[in-house]
Amino acid sequence: MYIGDPTKEGLYVIRLKVPAGYEMPAHTHPRDEYWTVISGTLNFGLGGKLHEEKAKAIKAGKDAYAAKGIPHFAFTTEEAVIQVHGFGPQRITYVDPADNPRS
């Protein structure tokens, strides 16, 4: 599911199916971001480095919020479906540029 375009002005909604063992290294966004866990569990934490022990398990039906400019990370230990929504333009800036999968 994909509504809108997170790189452009306006509302966007993205639904992602992520496998067990998925990791999203510490990063920030220029705008607030909201996540809802549809199924499975998302482990979400604040900070400039992925630390499993600092994460909170967010179960299906619950949500998380990442304020603009605040470093955060996420990972899964089981398959999960996550819906991400917010207002664009949005982008990801990794705390450690070496974590960027595009580079």
PDB file of N, CA and C in Angstrom:
ATOM      1  N   MET A   1       0.846  -1.183   0.000  1.00  0.00           N
ATOM      2  CA  MET A   1       0.000   0.000   0.000  1.00  0.00           C
ATOM      3  C   MET A   1       0.884   1.235   0.000  1.00  0.00           C
ATOM      4  N   TYR A   2       0.547   2.187  -0.825  1.00  0.00           N
ATOM      5  CA  TYR A   2       1.344   3.388  -0.958  1.00  0.00           C
ATOM      6  C   TYR A   2       0.400   4.510  -1.372  1.00  0.00           C
ATOM      7  N   ILE A   3       0.260   5.526  -0.534  1.00  0.00           N
ATOM      8  CA  ILE A   3      -0.570   6.681  -0.848  1.00  0.00           C
ATOM      9  C   ILE A   3       0.315   7.916  -0.745  1.00  0.00           C
ATOM     10  N   GLY A   4       0.265   8.776  -1.741  1.00  0.00           N
ATOM     11  CA  GLY A   4       1.096   9.971  -1.729  1.00  0.00           C
ATOM     12  C   GLY A   4       2.542   9.643  -2.052  1.00  0.00           C
ATOM     13  N   ASP A   5       3.382  10.642  -1.908  1.00  0.00           N
ATOM     14  CA  ASP A   5       4.799  10.497  -2.202  1.00  0.00           C
ATOM     15  C   ASP A   5       5.578  11.178  -1.086  1.00  0.00           C
ATOM     16  N   PRO A   6       6.309  10.414  -0.268  1.00  0.00           N
ATOM     17  CA  PRO A   6       7.018  11.018   0.865  1.00  0.00           C
ATOM     18  C   PRO A   6       8.088  12.029   0.453  1.00  0.00           C
ATOM     19  N   THR A   7       8.471  12.049  -0.808  1.00  0.00           N
ATOM     20  CA  THR A   7       9.489  13.018  -1.240  1.00  0.00           C
ATOM     21  C   THR A   7       8.874  14.345  -1.677  1.00  0.00           C
ATOM     22  N   LYS A   8       7.528  14.403  -1.691  1.00  0.00           N
ATOM     23  CA  LYS A   8       6.835  15.612  -2.131  1.00  0.00           C
ATOM     24  C   LYS A   8       5.956  16.167  -1.016  1.00  0.00           C
ATOM     25  N   GLU A   9       5.517  17.390  -1.168  1.00  0.00           N
ATOM     26  CA  GLU A   9       4.653  18.050  -0.200  1.00  0.00           C
ATOM     27  C   GLU A   9       3.334  17.280  -0.073  1.00  0.00           C
ATOM     28  N   GLY A  10       2.883  17.062   1.157  1.00  0.00           N
ATOM     29  CA  GLY A  10       1.579  16.444   1.376  1.00  0.00           C
ATOM     30  C   GLY A  10       1.641  15.153   2.175  1.00  0.00           C
ATOM     31  N   LEU A  11       0.464  14.624   2.447  1.00  0.00           N
ATOM     32  CA  LEU A  11       0.315  13.397   3.223  1.00  0.00           C
ATOM     33  C   LEU A  11       0.829  12.181   2.459  1.00  0.00           C
ATOM     34  N   TYR A  12       1.482  11.267   3.179  1.00  0.00           N
ATOM     35  CA  TYR A  12       1.863   9.986   2.595  1.00  0.00           C
ATOM     36  C   TYR A  12       1.550   8.871   3.597  1.00  0.00           C
ATOM     37  N   VAL A  13       1.264   7.695   3.068  1.00  0.00           N
ATOM     38  CA  VAL A  13       1.043   6.489   3.858  1.00  0.00           C
ATOM     39  C   VAL A  13       1.737   5.355   3.126  1.00  0.00           C
ATOM     40  N   ILE A  14       2.603   4.638   3.847  1.00  0.00           N
ATOM     41  CA  ILE A  14       3.329   3.513   3.252  1.00  0.00           C
ATOM     42  C   ILE A  14       3.143   2.311   4.162  1.00  0.00           C
ATOM     43  N   ARG A  15       2.792   1.176   3.597  1.00  0.00           N
ATOM     44  CA  ARG A  15       2.690  -0.059   4.375  1.00  0.00           C
ATOM     45  C   ARG A  15       3.814  -0.981   3.930  1.00  0.00           C
ATOM     46  N   LEU A  16       4.594  -1.467   4.901  1.00  0.00           N
ATOM     47  CA  LEU A  16       5.761  -2.301   4.633  1.00  0.00           C
ATOM     48  C   LEU A  16       5.638  -3.655   5.318  1.00  0.00           C
ATOM     49  N   LYS A  17       6.015  -4.694   4.619  1.00  0.00           N
ATOM     50  CA  LYS A  17       6.137  -6.018   5.217  1.00  0.00           C
ATOM     51  C   LYS A  17       7.626  -6.275   5.362  1.00  0.00           C
ATOM     52  N   VAL A  18       8.091  -6.429   6.607  1.00  0.00           N
ATOM     53  CA  VAL A  18       9.522  -6.591   6.844  1.00  0.00           C
ATOM     54  C   VAL A  18       9.786  -7.958   7.478  1.00  0.00           C
ATOM     55  N   PRO A  19      10.868  -8.596   7.094  1.00  0.00           N
ATOM     56  CA  PRO A  19      11.172  -9.936   7.610  1.00  0.00           C
ATOM     57  C   PRO A  19      11.749  -9.885   9.030  1.00  0.00           C
ATOM     58  N   ALA A  20      11.746 -11.020   9.674  1.00  0.00           N
ATOM     59  CA  ALA A  20      12.456 -11.156  10.957  1.00  0.00           C
ATOM     60  C   ALA A  20      13.919 -10.836  10.711  1.00  0.00           C
ATOM     61  N   GLY A  21      14.539 -10.141  11.656  1.00  0.00           N
ATOM     62  CA  GLY A  21      15.945  -9.790  11.519  1.00  0.00           C
ATOM     63  C   GLY A  21      16.200  -8.491  10.775  1.00  0.00           C
ATOM     64  N   TYR A  22      15.150  -7.779  10.402  1.00  0.00           N
ATOM     65  CA  TYR A  22      15.298  -6.500   9.706  1.00  0.00           C
ATOM     66  C   TYR A  22      15.826  -5.454  10.685  1.00  0.00           C
ATOM     67  N   GLU A  23      16.763  -4.618  10.243  1.00  0.00           N
ATOM     68  CA  GLU A  23      17.301  -3.544  11.074  1.00  0.00           C
ATOM     69  C   GLU A  23      17.270  -2.229  10.309  1.00  0.00           C
ATOM     70  N   MET A  24      16.820  -1.188  10.996  1.00  0.00           N
ATOM     71  CA  MET A  24      16.867   0.172  10.471  1.00  0.00           C
ATOM     72  C   MET A  24      17.795   0.940  11.392  1.00  0.00           C
ATOM     73  N   PRO A  25      19.045   1.164  10.974  1.00  0.00           N
ATOM     74  CA  PRO A  25      20.027   1.854  11.824  1.00  0.00           C
ATOM     75  C   PRO A  25      19.543   3.240  12.241  1.00  0.00           C
ATOM     76  N   ALA A  26      20.188   3.799  13.230  1.00  0.00           N
ATOM     77  CA  ALA A  26      19.829   5.116  13.748  1.00  0.00           C
ATOM     78  C   ALA A  26      19.820   6.161  12.637  1.00  0.00           C
ATOM     79  N   HIS A  27      18.751   6.959  12.631  1.00  0.00           N
ATOM     80  CA  HIS A  27      18.570   7.974  11.604  1.00  0.00           C
ATOM     81  C   HIS A  27      17.635   9.061  12.115  1.00  0.00           C
ATOM     82  N   THR A  28      17.517  10.119  11.341  1.00  0.00           N
ATOM     83  CA  THR A  28      16.597  11.211  11.649  1.00  0.00           C
ATOM     84  C   THR A  28      15.783  11.549  10.416  1.00  0.00           C
ATOM     85  N   HIS A  29      14.747  12.364  10.642  1.00  0.00           N
ATOM     86  CA  HIS A  29      13.903  12.877   9.565  1.00  0.00           C
ATOM     87  C   HIS A  29      13.702  14.376   9.769  1.00  0.00           C
ATOM     88  N   PRO A  30      13.457  15.125   8.690  1.00  0.00           N
ATOM     89  CA  PRO A  30      13.209  16.559   8.829  1.00  0.00           C
ATOM     90  C   PRO A  30      11.791  16.885   9.305  1.00  0.00           C
ATOM     91  N   ARG A  31      10.923  15.877   9.326  1.00  0.00           N
ATOM     92  CA  ARG A  31       9.539  16.047   9.783  1.00  0.00           C
ATOM     93  C   ARG A  31       9.154  14.868  10.669  1.00  0.00           C
ATOM     94  N   ASP A  32       8.112  15.061  11.474  1.00  0.00           N
ATOM     95  CA  ASP A  32       7.626  13.982  12.334  1.00  0.00           C
ATOM     96  C   ASP A  32       7.219  12.769  11.492  1.00  0.00           C
ATOM     97  N   GLU A  33       7.339  11.587  12.109  1.00  0.00           N
ATOM     98  CA  GLU A  33       6.981  10.331  11.452  1.00  0.00           C
ATOM     99  C   GLU A  33       6.174   9.494  12.429  1.00  0.00           C
ATOM    100  N   TYR A  34       5.155   8.815  11.926  1.00  0.00           N
ATOM    101  CA  TYR A  34       4.274   7.993  12.753  1.00  0.00           C
ATOM    102  C   TYR A  34       4.248   6.575  12.189  1.00  0.00           C
ATOM    103  N   TRP A  35       4.318   5.579  13.092  1.00  0.00           N
ATOM    104  CA  TRP A  35       4.298   4.172  12.689  1.00  0.00           C
ATOM    105  C   TRP A  35       3.170   3.473  13.423  1.00  0.00           C
ATOM    106  N   THR A  36       2.462   2.600  12.733  1.00  0.00           N
ATOM    107  CA  THR A  36       1.471   1.725  13.350  1.00  0.00           C
ATOM    108  C   THR A  36       1.856   0.300  12.988  1.00  0.00           C
ATOM    109  N   VAL A  37       1.910  -0.563  13.980  1.00  0.00           N
ATOM    110  CA  VAL A  37       2.229  -1.970  13.734  1.00  0.00           C
ATOM    111  C   VAL A  37       0.919  -2.689  13.426  1.00  0.00           C
ATOM    112  N   ILE A  38       0.816  -3.224  12.224  1.00  0.00           N
ATOM    113  CA  ILE A  38      -0.380  -3.931  11.772  1.00  0.00           C
ATOM    114  C   ILE A  38      -0.339  -5.387  12.235  1.00  0.00           C
ATOM    115  N   SER A  39       0.821  -6.016  12.105  1.00  0.00           N
ATOM    116  CA  SER A  39       0.994  -7.396  12.590  1.00  0.00           C
ATOM    117  C   SER A  39       2.450  -7.585  13.000  1.00  0.00           C
ATOM    118  N   GLY A  40       2.666  -8.547  13.885  1.00  0.00           N
ATOM    119  CA  GLY A  40       4.020  -8.812  14.373  1.00  0.00           C
ATOM    120  C   GLY A  40       4.425  -7.812  15.437  1.00  0.00           C
ATOM    121  N   THR A  41       5.728  -7.621  15.577  1.00  0.00           N
ATOM    122  CA  THR A  41       6.287  -6.715  16.587  1.00  0.00           C
ATOM    123  C   THR A  41       7.414  -5.904  15.968  1.00  0.00           C
ATOM    124  N   LEU A  42       7.407  -4.617  16.253  1.00  0.00           N
ATOM    125  CA  LEU A  42       8.484  -3.725  15.851  1.00  0.00           C
ATOM    126  C   LEU A  42       9.187  -3.276  17.122  1.00  0.00           C
ATOM    127  N   ASN A  43      10.482  -3.391  17.159  1.00  0.00           N
ATOM    128  CA  ASN A  43      11.278  -2.916  18.294  1.00  0.00           C
ATOM    129  C   ASN A  43      11.823  -1.552  17.914  1.00  0.00           C
ATOM    130  N   PHE A  44      11.480  -0.546  18.709  1.00  0.00           N
ATOM    131  CA  PHE A  44      11.740   0.848  18.379  1.00  0.00           C
ATOM    132  C   PHE A  44      12.454   1.525  19.541  1.00  0.00           C
ATOM    133  N   GLY A  45      13.499   2.307  19.224  1.00  0.00           N
ATOM    134  CA  GLY A  45      14.220   3.002  20.281  1.00  0.00           C
ATOM    135  C   GLY A  45      14.741   4.349  19.825  1.00  0.00           C
ATOM    136  N   LEU A  46      15.052   5.174  20.813  1.00  0.00           N
ATOM    137  CA  LEU A  46      15.625   6.490  20.553  1.00  0.00           C
ATOM    138  C   LEU A  46      17.116   6.452  20.836  1.00  0.00           C
ATOM    139  N   GLY A  47      17.883   7.183  20.036  1.00  0.00           N
ATOM    140  CA  GLY A  47      19.316   7.251  20.245  1.00  0.00           C
ATOM    141  C   GLY A  47      20.073   7.188  18.942  1.00  0.00           C
ATOM    142  N   GLY A  48      21.348   7.524  19.017  1.00  0.00           N
ATOM    143  CA  GLY A  48      22.187   7.630  17.842  1.00  0.00           C
ATOM    144  C   GLY A  48      22.830   6.338  17.378  1.00  0.00           C
ATOM    145  N   LYS A  49      22.499   5.214  18.025  1.00  0.00           N
ATOM    146  CA  LYS A  49      23.041   3.911  17.637  1.00  0.00           C
ATOM    147  C   LYS A  49      22.012   2.850  17.966  1.00  0.00           C
ATOM    148  N   LEU A  50      21.918   1.821  17.131  1.00  0.00           N
ATOM    149  CA  LEU A  50      20.973   0.746  17.388  1.00  0.00           C
ATOM    150  C   LEU A  50      21.451  -0.064  18.595  1.00  0.00           C
ATOM    151  N   HIS A  51      20.706   0.029  19.678  1.00  0.00           N
ATOM    152  CA  HIS A  51      20.979  -0.722  20.904  1.00  0.00           C
ATOM    153  C   HIS A  51      19.732  -1.530  21.219  1.00  0.00           C
ATOM    154  N   GLU A  52      19.794  -2.840  21.002  1.00  0.00           N
ATOM    155  CA  GLU A  52      18.619  -3.682  21.218  1.00  0.00           C
ATOM    156  C   GLU A  52      18.053  -3.540  22.620  1.00  0.00           C
ATOM    157  N   GLU A  53      18.925  -3.409  23.625  1.00  0.00           N
ATOM    158  CA  GLU A  53      18.453  -3.341  25.006  1.00  0.00           C
ATOM    159  C   GLU A  53      17.719  -2.038  25.324  1.00  0.00           C
ATOM    160  N   LYS A  54      17.831  -1.021  24.479  1.00  0.00           N
ATOM    161  CA  LYS A  54      17.157   0.256  24.708  1.00  0.00           C
ATOM    162  C   LYS A  54      15.829   0.352  23.957  1.00  0.00           C
ATOM    163  N   ALA A  55      15.491  -0.660  23.184  1.00  0.00           N
ATOM    164  CA  ALA A  55      14.285  -0.629  22.359  1.00  0.00           C
ATOM    165  C   ALA A  55      13.060  -1.076  23.149  1.00  0.00           C
ATOM    166  N   LYS A  56      11.922  -0.581  22.711  1.00  0.00           N
ATOM    167  CA  LYS A  56      10.633  -0.969  23.265  1.00  0.00           C
ATOM    168  C   LYS A  56       9.902  -1.791  22.212  1.00  0.00           C
ATOM    169  N   ALA A  57       9.366  -2.943  22.621  1.00  0.00           N
ATOM    170  CA  ALA A  57       8.618  -3.792  21.694  1.00  0.00           C
ATOM    171  C   ALA A  57       7.233  -3.196  21.479  1.00  0.00           C
ATOM    172  N   ILE A  58       6.917  -2.930  20.231  1.00  0.00           N
ATOM    173  CA  ILE A  58       5.613  -2.386  19.879  1.00  0.00           C
ATOM    174  C   ILE A  58       4.844  -3.478  19.142  1.00  0.00           C
ATOM    175  N   LYS A  59       3.788  -3.934  19.764  1.00  0.00           N
ATOM    176  CA  LYS A  59       2.999  -5.054  19.238  1.00  0.00           C
ATOM    177  C   LYS A  59       1.927  -4.566  18.269  1.00  0.00           C
ATOM    178  N   ALA A  60       1.322  -5.508  17.549  1.00  0.00           N
ATOM    179  CA  ALA A  60       0.255  -5.206  16.594  1.00  0.00           C
ATOM    180  C   ALA A  60      -0.842  -4.390  17.271  1.00  0.00           C
ATOM    181  N   GLY A  61      -1.295  -3.351  16.552  1.00  0.00           N
ATOM    182  CA  GLY A  61      -2.340  -2.484  17.056  1.00  0.00           C
ATOM    183  C   GLY A  61      -1.819  -1.268  17.809  1.00  0.00           C
ATOM    184  N   LYS A  62      -0.538  -1.214  18.076  1.00  0.00           N
ATOM    185  CA  LYS A  62       0.064  -0.087  18.788  1.00  0.00           C
ATOM    186  C   LYS A  62       0.843   0.780  17.807  1.00  0.00           C
ATOM    187  N   ASP A  63       1.289   1.945  18.271  1.00  0.00           N
ATOM    188  CA  ASP A  63       2.001   2.836  17.369  1.00  0.00           C
ATOM    189  C   ASP A  63       3.207   3.473  18.029  1.00  0.00           C
ATOM    190  N   ALA A  64       3.996   4.138  17.206  1.00  0.00           N
ATOM    191  CA  ALA A  64       5.207   4.832  17.658  1.00  0.00           C
ATOM    192  C   ALA A  64       5.288   6.163  16.932  1.00  0.00           C
ATOM    193  N   TYR A  65       6.024   7.055  17.529  1.00  0.00           N
ATOM    194  CA  TYR A  65       6.161   8.406  16.989  1.00  0.00           C
ATOM    195  C   TYR A  65       7.627   8.798  17.062  1.00  0.00           C
ATOM    196  N   ALA A  66       8.146   9.323  15.979  1.00  0.00           N
ATOM    197  CA  ALA A  66       9.521   9.823  15.944  1.00  0.00           C
ATOM    198  C   ALA A  66       9.467  11.299  15.574  1.00  0.00           C
ATOM    199  N   ALA A  67       9.828  12.142  16.532  1.00  0.00           N
ATOM    200  CA  ALA A  67       9.807  13.584  16.288  1.00  0.00           C
ATOM    201  C   ALA A  67      10.919  13.978  15.327  1.00  0.00           C
ATOM    202  N   LYS A  68      10.678  15.019  14.561  1.00  0.00           N
ATOM    203  CA  LYS A  68      11.667  15.492  13.595  1.00  0.00           C
ATOM    204  C   LYS A  68      12.987  15.784  14.304  1.00  0.00           C
ATOM    205  N   GLY A  69      14.070  15.342  13.664  1.00  0.00           N
ATOM    206  CA  GLY A  69      15.410  15.631  14.158  1.00  0.00           C
ATOM    207  C   GLY A  69      15.889  14.749  15.302  1.00  0.00           C
ATOM    208  N   ILE A  70      15.041  13.885  15.852  1.00  0.00           N
ATOM    209  CA  ILE A  70      15.438  13.024  16.971  1.00  0.00           C
ATOM    210  C   ILE A  70      15.929  11.679  16.426  1.00  0.00           C
ATOM    211  N   PRO A  71      17.178  11.286  16.709  1.00  0.00           N
ATOM    212  CA  PRO A  71      17.678   9.997  16.221  1.00  0.00           C
ATOM    213  C   PRO A  71      16.873   8.835  16.812  1.00  0.00           C
ATOM    214  N   HIS A  72      16.556   7.889  15.943  1.00  0.00           N
ATOM    215  CA  HIS A  72      15.823   6.694  16.365  1.00  0.00           C
ATOM    216  C   HIS A  72      16.224   5.519  15.484  1.00  0.00           C
ATOM    217  N   PHE A  73      15.860   4.320  15.930  1.00  0.00           N
ATOM    218  CA  PHE A  73      16.206   3.095  15.216  1.00  0.00           C
ATOM    219  C   PHE A  73      15.085   2.088  15.408  1.00  0.00           C
ATOM    220  N   ALA A  74      15.121   1.029  14.618  1.00  0.00           N
ATOM    221  CA  ALA A  74      14.109  -0.017  14.727  1.00  0.00           C
ATOM    222  C   ALA A  74      14.692  -1.335  14.240  1.00  0.00           C
ATOM    223  N   PHE A  75      14.086  -2.416  14.722  1.00  0.00           N
ATOM    224  CA  PHE A  75      14.457  -3.750  14.243  1.00  0.00           C
ATOM    225  C   PHE A  75      13.321  -4.716  14.535  1.00  0.00           C
ATOM    226  N   THR A  76      13.358  -5.869  13.868  1.00  0.00           N
ATOM    227  CA  THR A  76      12.345  -6.903  14.095  1.00  0.00           C
ATOM    228  C   THR A  76      13.010  -8.211  14.491  1.00  0.00           C
ATOM    229  N   THR A  77      12.294  -8.977  15.278  1.00  0.00           N
ATOM    230  CA  THR A  77      12.726 -10.331  15.611  1.00  0.00           C
ATOM    231  C   THR A  77      11.754 -11.345  15.016  1.00  0.00           C
ATOM    232  N   GLU A  78      10.675 -10.843  14.430  1.00  0.00           N
ATOM    233  CA  GLU A  78       9.700 -11.657  13.719  1.00  0.00           C
ATOM    234  C   GLU A  78       9.183 -10.835  12.546  1.00  0.00           C
ATOM    235  N   GLU A  79       8.593 -11.485  11.570  1.00  0.00           N
ATOM    236  CA  GLU A  79       8.016 -10.753  10.448  1.00  0.00           C
ATOM    237  C   GLU A  79       6.983  -9.763  10.979  1.00  0.00           C
ATOM    238  N   ALA A  80       6.927  -8.583  10.374  1.00  0.00           N
ATOM    239  CA  ALA A  80       5.978  -7.563  10.804  1.00  0.00           C
ATOM    240  C   ALA A  80       5.473  -6.765   9.607  1.00  0.00           C
ATOM    241  N   VAL A  81       4.258  -6.253   9.748  1.00  0.00           N
ATOM    242  CA  VAL A  81       3.704  -5.319   8.780  1.00  0.00           C
ATOM    243  C   VAL A  81       3.546  -3.994   9.510  1.00  0.00           C
ATOM    244  N   ILE A  82       4.163  -2.958   8.952  1.00  0.00           N
ATOM    245  CA  ILE A  82       4.199  -1.642   9.579  1.00  0.00           C
ATOM    246  C   ILE A  82       3.645  -0.614   8.608  1.00  0.00           C
ATOM    247  N   GLN A  83       2.809   0.272   9.113  1.00  0.00           N
ATOM    248  CA  GLN A  83       2.321   1.384   8.310  1.00  0.00           C
ATOM    249  C   GLN A  83       3.007   2.659   8.800  1.00  0.00           C
ATOM    250  N   VAL A  84       3.634   3.371   7.889  1.00  0.00           N
ATOM    251  CA  VAL A  84       4.338   4.617   8.192  1.00  0.00           C
ATOM    252  C   VAL A  84       3.562   5.748   7.528  1.00  0.00           C
ATOM    253  N   HIS A  85       3.321   6.819   8.288  1.00  0.00           N
ATOM    254  CA  HIS A  85       2.639   7.952   7.678  1.00  0.00           C
ATOM    255  C   HIS A  85       3.140   9.267   8.255  1.00  0.00           C
ATOM    256  N   GLY A  86       2.931  10.309   7.477  1.00  0.00           N
ATOM    257  CA  GLY A  86       3.362  11.641   7.865  1.00  0.00           C
ATOM    258  C   GLY A  86       3.125  12.604   6.725  1.00  0.00           C
ATOM    259  N   PHE A  87       3.788  13.746   6.809  1.00  0.00           N
ATOM    260  CA  PHE A  87       3.680  14.762   5.774  1.00  0.00           C
ATOM    261  C   PHE A  87       5.050  14.984   5.144  1.00  0.00           C
ATOM    262  N   GLY A  88       5.068  14.991   3.831  1.00  0.00           N
ATOM    263  CA  GLY A  88       6.304  15.216   3.107  1.00  0.00           C
ATOM    264  C   GLY A  88       6.520  16.684   2.844  1.00  0.00           C
ATOM    265  N   PRO A  89       7.676  17.030   2.329  1.00  0.00           N
ATOM    266  CA  PRO A  89       8.719  16.087   1.931  1.00  0.00           C
ATOM    267  C   PRO A  89       9.453  15.503   3.139  1.00  0.00           C
ATOM    268  N   GLN A  90       9.749  14.230   3.015  1.00  0.00           N
ATOM    269  CA  GLN A  90      10.410  13.468   4.074  1.00  0.00           C
ATOM    270  C   GLN A  90      11.665  12.818   3.484  1.00  0.00           C
ATOM    271  N   ARG A  91      12.653  12.604   4.333  1.00  0.00           N
ATOM    272  CA  ARG A  91      13.862  11.886   3.900  1.00  0.00           C
ATOM    273  C   ARG A  91      14.487  11.234   5.130  1.00  0.00           C
ATOM    274  N   ILE A  92      15.438  10.354   4.881  1.00  0.00           N
ATOM    275  CA  ILE A  92      16.170   9.661   5.947  1.00  0.00           C
ATOM    276  C   ILE A  92      17.609  10.155   5.929  1.00  0.00           C
ATOM    277  N   THR A  93      18.104  10.582   7.093  1.00  0.00           N
ATOM    278  CA  THR A  93      19.506  10.939   7.243  1.00  0.00           C
ATOM    279  C   THR A  93      20.086  10.026   8.314  1.00  0.00           C
ATOM    280  N   TYR A  94      21.003   9.156   7.926  1.00  0.00           N
ATOM    281  CA  TYR A  94      21.596   8.208   8.870  1.00  0.00           C
ATOM    282  C   TYR A  94      22.582   8.924   9.786  1.00  0.00           C
ATOM    283  N   VAL A  95      22.546   8.578  11.061  1.00  0.00           N
ATOM    284  CA  VAL A  95      23.493   9.148  12.029  1.00  0.00           C
ATOM    285  C   VAL A  95      24.915   8.824  11.600  1.00  0.00           C
ATOM    286  N   ASP A  96      25.140   7.567  11.235  1.00  0.00           N
ATOM    287  CA  ASP A  96      26.434   7.135  10.699  1.00  0.00           C
ATOM    288  C   ASP A  96      26.257   6.966   9.190  1.00  0.00           C
ATOM    289  N   PRO A  97      26.828   7.830   8.368  1.00  0.00           N
ATOM    290  CA  PRO A  97      26.651   7.728   6.925  1.00  0.00           C
ATOM    291  C   PRO A  97      26.999   6.349   6.349  1.00  0.00           C
ATOM    292  N   ALA A  98      27.848   5.594   7.024  1.00  0.00           N
ATOM    293  CA  ALA A  98      28.220   4.247   6.556  1.00  0.00           C
ATOM    294  C   ALA A  98      27.030   3.290   6.618  1.00  0.00           C
ATOM    295  N   ASP A  99      25.986   3.630   7.393  1.00  0.00           N
ATOM    296  CA  ASP A  99      24.787   2.780   7.496  1.00  0.00           C
ATOM    297  C   ASP A  99      23.845   2.952   6.323  1.00  0.00           C
ATOM    298  N   ASN A 100      24.057   3.964   5.506  1.00  0.00           N
ATOM    299  CA  ASN A 100      23.173   4.235   4.380  1.00  0.00           C
ATOM    300  C   ASN A 100      23.314   3.134   3.325  1.00  0.00           C
ATOM    301  N   PRO A 101      22.249   2.369   3.085  1.00  0.00           N
ATOM    302  CA  PRO A 101      22.361   1.270   2.112  1.00  0.00           C
ATOM    303  C   PRO A 101      22.549   1.762   0.683  1.00  0.00           C
ATOM    304  N   ARG A 102      22.303   3.028   0.424  1.00  0.00           N
ATOM    305  CA  ARG A 102      22.445   3.586  -0.931  1.00  0.00           C
ATOM    306  C   ARG A 102      23.874   3.973  -1.260  1.00  0.00           C
ATOM    307  N   SER A 103      24.758   3.954  -0.231  1.00  0.00           N
ATOM    308  CA  SER A 103      26.139   4.386  -0.511  1.00  0.00           C
ATOM    309  C   SER A 103      27.085   3.213  -0.553  1.00  0.00           C
TER     310      SER A 103
END
